[in-house]
Amino acid sequence: MADDFIYLASQSPRRQELLRQIGVRFELLLPDADEDAEALEAPIAHESPTRYVQRVTLAKAEAARARLRRRALLAAPMPAAPLPAAPLPAAPILVSDTTVAVGGRIFGKPLDAADAARMLRALSGRTHRVLTAVAVVRGARIEQALNVSRVRFAHLSQHEIDDYVASGEPMGKAGAYAIQGAAARFIRKIEGSHSGIMGLPLYETARLLRRVGQDR
């Protein structure tokens, strides 16, 4: 029997928008205040972009599974409670991670404006890869998929880079840009999945959800 909803372990409004686009009902399953979610995204020396994005996605999946179990336990009836709390219902958990790669170099989220400008200069006039890994957790089971797309940037002037960085859009974005935002004017060509470049490849996501019984 298919579930009525899934848990989305992501704060990304883009991933939420993409799930709504294909009619998937979801509830957010965000990290607790004491969880260091950013630490999961720290790269390991000499790690390839493919290995990096798959490892981070698996770590996010395991953290989300533990989070759901922990919250279900906290919501379990207490002996002295007059009205027991309803436990969280079981449902698949969706996680995803995106990185940009120039050759073997990983371009994650920029640390600051100078870092964003550095990334954009490296992307200018060349083709880079956007790797998005997605995983669905169902109990002890984790199903994973990887989407790799290629994006060709036009040559960017320093003025264009400075203006785009000043807009604030690059911050919090892998590779310091958002294809669905103002950076679309820099992109000459894409090969692959537009939704994958946004942060959630819908084809792979739908296949994974069907695989775990969520086919609505």
C-alpha atoms as a PDB file:
ATOM      1  CA  MET A   1       0.000   0.000   0.000  1.00  0.00           C
ATOM      2  CA  ALA A   2       1.374   3.420  -0.932  1.00  0.00           C
ATOM      3  CA  ASP A   3       2.019   6.038   1.742  1.00  0.00           C
ATOM      4  CA  ASP A   4       0.033   9.256   1.711  1.00  0.00           C
ATOM      5  CA  PHE A   5       3.140  11.374   2.247  1.00  0.00           C
ATOM      6  CA  ILE A   6       6.899  11.367   2.683  1.00  0.00           C
ATOM      7  CA  TYR A   7       9.275  13.173   5.021  1.00  0.00           C
ATOM      8  CA  LEU A   8      11.595  15.677   3.364  1.00  0.00           C
ATOM      9  CA  ALA A   9      14.837  16.131   5.323  1.00  0.00           C
ATOM     10  CA  SER A  10      15.803  19.404   3.661  1.00  0.00           C
ATOM     11  CA  GLN A  11      15.297  23.103   4.293  1.00  0.00           C
ATOM     12  CA  SER A  12      15.686  23.900   0.589  1.00  0.00           C
ATOM     13  CA  PRO A  13      12.648  25.778  -0.761  1.00  0.00           C
ATOM     14  CA  ARG A  14      13.681  24.611  -4.242  1.00  0.00           C
ATOM     15  CA  ARG A  15      13.351  20.929  -3.290  1.00  0.00           C
ATOM     16  CA  GLN A  16       9.974  21.638  -1.708  1.00  0.00           C
ATOM     17  CA  GLU A  17       8.836  23.426  -4.870  1.00  0.00           C
ATOM     18  CA  LEU A  18       9.987  20.520  -7.053  1.00  0.00           C
ATOM     19  CA  LEU A  19       8.133  17.933  -4.961  1.00  0.00           C
ATOM     20  CA  ARG A  20       4.956  20.003  -5.210  1.00  0.00           C
ATOM     21  CA  GLN A  21       5.486  20.172  -8.971  1.00  0.00           C
ATOM     22  CA  ILE A  22       5.070  16.382  -9.258  1.00  0.00           C
ATOM     23  CA  GLY A  23       2.311  16.189  -6.651  1.00  0.00           C
ATOM     24  CA  VAL A  24       4.243  14.550  -3.813  1.00  0.00           C
ATOM     25  CA  ARG A  25       2.823  15.360  -0.378  1.00  0.00           C
ATOM     26  CA  PHE A  26       5.516  15.865   2.248  1.00  0.00           C
ATOM     27  CA  GLU A  27       6.226  16.913   5.811  1.00  0.00           C
ATOM     28  CA  LEU A  28       9.535  18.480   6.803  1.00  0.00           C
ATOM     29  CA  LEU A  29      11.925  16.472   8.976  1.00  0.00           C
ATOM     30  CA  LEU A  30      14.556  19.085   9.806  1.00  0.00           C
ATOM     31  CA  PRO A  31      17.598  18.725  12.078  1.00  0.00           C
ATOM     32  CA  ASP A  32      17.284  19.326  15.803  1.00  0.00           C
ATOM     33  CA  ALA A  33      18.983  22.376  17.278  1.00  0.00           C
ATOM     34  CA  ASP A  34      21.831  20.249  18.641  1.00  0.00           C
ATOM     35  CA  GLU A  35      22.540  18.536  15.297  1.00  0.00           C
ATOM     36  CA  ASP A  36      25.525  19.827  13.330  1.00  0.00           C
ATOM     37  CA  ALA A  37      24.035  19.361   9.880  1.00  0.00           C
ATOM     38  CA  GLU A  38      26.722  21.472   8.180  1.00  0.00           C
ATOM     39  CA  ALA A  39      29.440  19.136   9.449  1.00  0.00           C
ATOM     40  CA  LEU A  40      28.004  16.354   7.282  1.00  0.00           C
ATOM     41  CA  GLU A  41      28.941  18.371   4.179  1.00  0.00           C
ATOM     42  CA  ALA A  42      32.625  18.750   5.043  1.00  0.00           C
ATOM     43  CA  PRO A  43      34.740  17.292   2.207  1.00  0.00           C
ATOM     44  CA  ILE A  44      37.512  14.758   2.762  1.00  0.00           C
ATOM     45  CA  ALA A  45      40.932  15.402   1.248  1.00  0.00           C
ATOM     46  CA  HIS A  46      41.394  13.947  -2.259  1.00  0.00           C
ATOM     47  CA  GLU A  47      37.745  12.846  -2.391  1.00  0.00           C
ATOM     48  CA  SER A  48      36.200  12.795  -5.867  1.00  0.00           C
ATOM     49  CA  PRO A  49      33.031  14.873  -6.451  1.00  0.00           C
ATOM     50  CA  THR A  50      31.025  11.696  -7.115  1.00  0.00           C
ATOM     51  CA  ARG A  51      32.213   9.991  -3.950  1.00  0.00           C
ATOM     52  CA  TYR A  52      31.667  13.201  -1.974  1.00  0.00           C
ATOM     53  CA  VAL A  53      28.046  13.801  -2.976  1.00  0.00           C
ATOM     54  CA  GLN A  54      27.103  10.126  -2.505  1.00  0.00           C
ATOM     55  CA  ARG A  55      28.792   9.949   0.914  1.00  0.00           C
ATOM     56  CA  VAL A  56      27.144  13.159   2.132  1.00  0.00           C
ATOM     57  CA  THR A  57      23.719  12.011   0.938  1.00  0.00           C
ATOM     58  CA  LEU A  58      24.100   8.677   2.722  1.00  0.00           C
ATOM     59  CA  ALA A  59      25.173  10.492   5.908  1.00  0.00           C
ATOM     60  CA  LYS A  60      22.127  12.759   5.649  1.00  0.00           C
ATOM     61  CA  ALA A  61      19.908   9.712   5.152  1.00  0.00           C
ATOM     62  CA  GLU A  62      21.253   7.964   8.240  1.00  0.00           C
ATOM     63  CA  ALA A  63      20.941  11.156  10.303  1.00  0.00           C
ATOM     64  CA  ALA A  64      17.342  11.652   9.160  1.00  0.00           C
ATOM     65  CA  ARG A  65      16.436   8.045   9.969  1.00  0.00           C
ATOM     66  CA  ALA A  66      17.875   8.436  13.484  1.00  0.00           C
ATOM     67  CA  ARG A  67      16.004  11.740  13.847  1.00  0.00           C
ATOM     68  CA  LEU A  68      12.662  10.154  12.978  1.00  0.00           C
ATOM     69  CA  ARG A  69      13.248   7.269  15.391  1.00  0.00           C
ATOM     70  CA  ARG A  70      14.246   9.698  18.137  1.00  0.00           C
ATOM     71  CA  ARG A  71      11.175  11.859  17.651  1.00  0.00           C
ATOM     72  CA  ALA A  72       8.894   8.844  17.497  1.00  0.00           C
ATOM     73  CA  LEU A  73      10.332   7.695  20.822  1.00  0.00           C
ATOM     74  CA  LEU A  74       9.806  11.139  22.377  1.00  0.00           C
ATOM     75  CA  ALA A  75       6.210  11.118  21.159  1.00  0.00           C
ATOM     76  CA  ALA A  76       5.502   7.665  22.609  1.00  0.00           C
ATOM     77  CA  PRO A  77       2.976   7.470  25.479  1.00  0.00           C
ATOM     78  CA  MET A  78       4.421   8.153  28.934  1.00  0.00           C
ATOM     79  CA  PRO A  79       3.103   6.112  31.903  1.00  0.00           C
ATOM     80  CA  ALA A  80       2.107   9.203  33.905  1.00  0.00           C
ATOM     81  CA  ALA A  81       0.776  11.211  30.974  1.00  0.00           C
ATOM     82  CA  PRO A  82      -2.977  11.860  31.094  1.00  0.00           C
ATOM     83  CA  LEU A  83      -3.191  12.074  27.299  1.00  0.00           C
ATOM     84  CA  PRO A  84      -0.482  10.139  25.446  1.00  0.00           C
ATOM     85  CA  ALA A  85       1.091  11.906  22.482  1.00  0.00           C
ATOM     86  CA  ALA A  86       0.495  10.412  19.056  1.00  0.00           C
ATOM     87  CA  PRO A  87       3.640   8.766  17.674  1.00  0.00           C
ATOM     88  CA  LEU A  88       4.958  10.020  14.363  1.00  0.00           C
ATOM     89  CA  PRO A  89       3.644   7.882  11.515  1.00  0.00           C
ATOM     90  CA  ALA A  90       6.046   5.801   9.484  1.00  0.00           C
ATOM     91  CA  ALA A  91       6.760   7.088   5.978  1.00  0.00           C
ATOM     92  CA  PRO A  92       9.681   7.206   3.541  1.00  0.00           C
ATOM     93  CA  ILE A  93      12.318   9.898   4.105  1.00  0.00           C
ATOM     94  CA  LEU A  94      13.792  11.787   1.157  1.00  0.00           C
ATOM     95  CA  VAL A  95      17.249  13.383   1.300  1.00  0.00           C
ATOM     96  CA  SER A  96      19.435  14.958  -1.358  1.00  0.00           C
ATOM     97  CA  ASP A  97      22.723  16.753  -1.817  1.00  0.00           C
ATOM     98  CA  THR A  98      24.141  18.761  -4.708  1.00  0.00           C
ATOM     99  CA  THR A  99      27.664  19.785  -5.572  1.00  0.00           C
ATOM    100  CA  VAL A 100      29.327  21.517  -8.497  1.00  0.00           C
ATOM    101  CA  ALA A 101      32.562  20.136  -9.914  1.00  0.00           C
ATOM    102  CA  VAL A 102      35.160  21.753 -12.141  1.00  0.00           C
ATOM    103  CA  GLY A 103      37.380  18.863 -13.128  1.00  0.00           C
ATOM    104  CA  GLY A 104      38.075  17.119  -9.836  1.00  0.00           C
ATOM    105  CA  ARG A 105      37.503  20.235  -7.726  1.00  0.00           C
ATOM    106  CA  ILE A 106      34.416  20.362  -5.512  1.00  0.00           C
ATOM    107  CA  PHE A 107      32.562  23.680  -5.368  1.00  0.00           C
ATOM    108  CA  GLY A 108      30.167  23.624  -2.437  1.00  0.00           C
ATOM    109  CA  LYS A 109      28.393  26.560  -0.835  1.00  0.00           C
ATOM    110  CA  PRO A 110      30.551  29.715  -0.786  1.00  0.00           C
ATOM    111  CA  LEU A 111      31.944  30.774   2.569  1.00  0.00           C
ATOM    112  CA  ASP A 112      31.563  34.482   1.796  1.00  0.00           C
ATOM    113  CA  ALA A 113      31.301  36.972  -1.082  1.00  0.00           C
ATOM    114  CA  ALA A 114      34.973  36.610  -2.014  1.00  0.00           C
ATOM    115  CA  ASP A 115      34.617  32.830  -2.179  1.00  0.00           C
ATOM    116  CA  ALA A 116      31.488  33.179  -4.339  1.00  0.00           C
ATOM    117  CA  ALA A 117      33.351  35.469  -6.745  1.00  0.00           C
ATOM    118  CA  ARG A 118      36.233  32.976  -6.908  1.00  0.00           C
ATOM    119  CA  MET A 119      33.865  30.171  -7.873  1.00  0.00           C
ATOM    120  CA  LEU A 120      32.115  32.242 -10.531  1.00  0.00           C
ATOM    121  CA  ARG A 121      35.435  33.214 -12.094  1.00  0.00           C
ATOM    122  CA  ALA A 122      36.316  29.507 -12.287  1.00  0.00           C
ATOM    123  CA  LEU A 123      32.969  28.699 -13.947  1.00  0.00           C
ATOM    124  CA  SER A 124      33.195  31.557 -16.442  1.00  0.00           C
ATOM    125  CA  GLY A 125      33.468  30.458 -20.066  1.00  0.00           C
ATOM    126  CA  ARG A 126      33.630  26.748 -19.386  1.00  0.00           C
ATOM    127  CA  THR A 127      31.551  23.624 -18.794  1.00  0.00           C
ATOM    128  CA  HIS A 128      31.167  22.182 -15.300  1.00  0.00           C
ATOM    129  CA  ARG A 129      29.309  19.245 -13.793  1.00  0.00           C
ATOM    130  CA  VAL A 130      26.420  19.425 -11.346  1.00  0.00           C
ATOM    131  CA  LEU A 131      26.097  16.231  -9.320  1.00  0.00           C
ATOM    132  CA  THR A 132      22.970  15.604  -7.287  1.00  0.00           C
ATOM    133  CA  ALA A 133      22.575  12.442  -5.237  1.00  0.00           C
ATOM    134  CA  VAL A 134      19.177  11.513  -3.856  1.00  0.00           C
ATOM    135  CA  ALA A 135      18.233   8.820  -1.355  1.00  0.00           C
ATOM    136  CA  VAL A 136      14.993   7.457   0.042  1.00  0.00           C
ATOM    137  CA  VAL A 137      14.938   5.778   3.450  1.00  0.00           C
ATOM    138  CA  ARG A 138      12.304   3.185   4.353  1.00  0.00           C
ATOM    139  CA  GLY A 139      13.027   1.516   7.681  1.00  0.00           C
ATOM    140  CA  ALA A 140      16.405  -0.211   7.410  1.00  0.00           C
ATOM    141  CA  ARG A 141      16.403   0.189   3.635  1.00  0.00           C
ATOM    142  CA  ILE A 142      18.113   3.041   1.751  1.00  0.00           C
ATOM    143  CA  GLU A 143      17.697   3.426  -2.020  1.00  0.00           C
ATOM    144  CA  GLN A 144      20.055   5.843  -3.806  1.00  0.00           C
ATOM    145  CA  ALA A 145      20.476   7.416  -7.234  1.00  0.00           C
ATOM    146  CA  LEU A 146      22.885   9.907  -8.797  1.00  0.00           C
ATOM    147  CA  ASN A 147      22.217  12.500 -11.478  1.00  0.00           C
ATOM    148  CA  VAL A 148      25.072  14.194 -13.333  1.00  0.00           C
ATOM    149  CA  SER A 149      24.358  17.174 -15.576  1.00  0.00           C
ATOM    150  CA  ARG A 150      26.650  19.535 -17.451  1.00  0.00           C
ATOM    151  CA  VAL A 151      26.307  23.300 -17.570  1.00  0.00           C
ATOM    152  CA  ARG A 152      28.114  25.675 -19.925  1.00  0.00           C
ATOM    153  CA  PHE A 153      28.640  29.223 -18.668  1.00  0.00           C
ATOM    154  CA  ALA A 154      29.222  32.238 -20.885  1.00  0.00           C
ATOM    155  CA  HIS A 155      32.286  34.372 -20.251  1.00  0.00           C
ATOM    156  CA  LEU A 156      31.517  36.610 -17.284  1.00  0.00           C
ATOM    157  CA  SER A 157      32.961  40.062 -16.821  1.00  0.00           C
ATOM    158  CA  GLN A 158      34.162  41.120 -13.404  1.00  0.00           C
ATOM    159  CA  HIS A 159      31.295  43.608 -13.309  1.00  0.00           C
ATOM    160  CA  GLU A 160      28.744  40.819 -13.920  1.00  0.00           C
ATOM    161  CA  ILE A 161      30.332  38.700 -11.191  1.00  0.00           C
ATOM    162  CA  ASP A 162      30.394  41.603  -8.724  1.00  0.00           C
ATOM    163  CA  ASP A 163      26.760  42.501  -9.413  1.00  0.00           C
ATOM    164  CA  TYR A 164      25.586  38.910  -9.048  1.00  0.00           C
ATOM    165  CA  VAL A 165      27.502  38.378  -5.807  1.00  0.00           C
ATOM    166  CA  ALA A 166      26.097  41.668  -4.448  1.00  0.00           C
ATOM    167  CA  SER A 167      22.566  40.368  -5.077  1.00  0.00           C
ATOM    168  CA  GLY A 168      23.129  37.735  -2.394  1.00  0.00           C
ATOM    169  CA  GLU A 169      21.761  34.934  -4.565  1.00  0.00           C
ATOM    170  CA  PRO A 170      25.023  32.915  -4.670  1.00  0.00           C
ATOM    171  CA  MET A 171      25.086  32.396  -0.913  1.00  0.00           C
ATOM    172  CA  GLY A 172      23.907  28.986   0.238  1.00  0.00           C
ATOM    173  CA  LYS A 173      24.077  27.605  -3.320  1.00  0.00           C
ATOM    174  CA  ALA A 174      26.506  24.924  -4.493  1.00  0.00           C
ATOM    175  CA  GLY A 175      28.842  26.500  -7.038  1.00  0.00           C
ATOM    176  CA  ALA A 176      27.635  29.977  -6.015  1.00  0.00           C
ATOM    177  CA  TYR A 177      24.699  30.178  -8.415  1.00  0.00           C
ATOM    178  CA  ALA A 178      21.050  29.228  -8.835  1.00  0.00           C
ATOM    179  CA  ILE A 179      19.927  28.130 -12.292  1.00  0.00           C
ATOM    180  CA  GLN A 180      16.342  29.113 -11.489  1.00  0.00           C
ATOM    181  CA  GLY A 181      17.422  32.625 -10.500  1.00  0.00           C
ATOM    182  CA  ALA A 182      19.253  35.542 -12.056  1.00  0.00           C
ATOM    183  CA  ALA A 183      22.195  33.316 -13.015  1.00  0.00           C
ATOM    184  CA  ALA A 184      20.066  31.820 -15.791  1.00  0.00           C
ATOM    185  CA  ARG A 185      21.289  34.663 -18.014  1.00  0.00           C
ATOM    186  CA  PHE A 186      24.863  33.316 -17.742  1.00  0.00           C
ATOM    187  CA  ILE A 187      24.028  29.794 -18.924  1.00  0.00           C
ATOM    188  CA  ARG A 188      24.591  29.003 -22.588  1.00  0.00           C
ATOM    189  CA  LYS A 189      23.782  25.302 -22.507  1.00  0.00           C
ATOM    190  CA  ILE A 190      22.786  22.458 -20.214  1.00  0.00           C
ATOM    191  CA  GLU A 191      22.990  18.717 -20.792  1.00  0.00           C
ATOM    192  CA  GLY A 192      21.014  16.630 -18.353  1.00  0.00           C
ATOM    193  CA  SER A 193      18.335  17.394 -15.776  1.00  0.00           C
ATOM    194  CA  HIS A 194      17.167  20.948 -15.056  1.00  0.00           C
ATOM    195  CA  SER A 195      15.561  19.767 -11.811  1.00  0.00           C
ATOM    196  CA  GLY A 196      18.773  17.947 -10.899  1.00  0.00           C
ATOM    197  CA  ILE A 197      20.724  21.188 -11.328  1.00  0.00           C
ATOM    198  CA  MET A 198      18.153  22.883  -9.094  1.00  0.00           C
ATOM    199  CA  GLY A 199      18.826  20.287  -6.397  1.00  0.00           C
ATOM    200  CA  LEU A 200      16.395  17.385  -6.827  1.00  0.00           C
ATOM    201  CA  PRO A 201      16.341  15.285 -10.026  1.00  0.00           C
ATOM    202  CA  LEU A 202      12.650  14.495 -10.417  1.00  0.00           C
ATOM    203  CA  TYR A 203      13.022  11.496 -12.719  1.00  0.00           C
ATOM    204  CA  GLU A 204      15.349   9.686 -10.299  1.00  0.00           C
ATOM    205  CA  THR A 205      13.301  10.821  -7.304  1.00  0.00           C
ATOM    206  CA  ALA A 206      10.045   9.449  -8.717  1.00  0.00           C
ATOM    207  CA  ARG A 207      11.708   6.108  -9.528  1.00  0.00           C
ATOM    208  CA  LEU A 208      13.112   5.786  -6.005  1.00  0.00           C
ATOM    209  CA  LEU A 209       9.753   6.597  -4.423  1.00  0.00           C
ATOM    210  CA  ARG A 210       8.035   3.950  -6.555  1.00  0.00           C
ATOM    211  CA  ARG A 211      10.717   1.479  -5.544  1.00  0.00           C
ATOM    212  CA  VAL A 212       9.837   1.870  -1.857  1.00  0.00           C
ATOM    213  CA  GLY A 213       6.089   1.784  -2.457  1.00  0.00           C
ATOM    214  CA  GLN A 214       5.320   5.503  -2.660  1.00  0.00           C
ATOM    215  CA  ASP A 215       3.848   5.699  -6.151  1.00  0.00           C
ATOM    216  CA  ARG A 216       1.222   8.412  -5.855  1.00  0.00           C
END
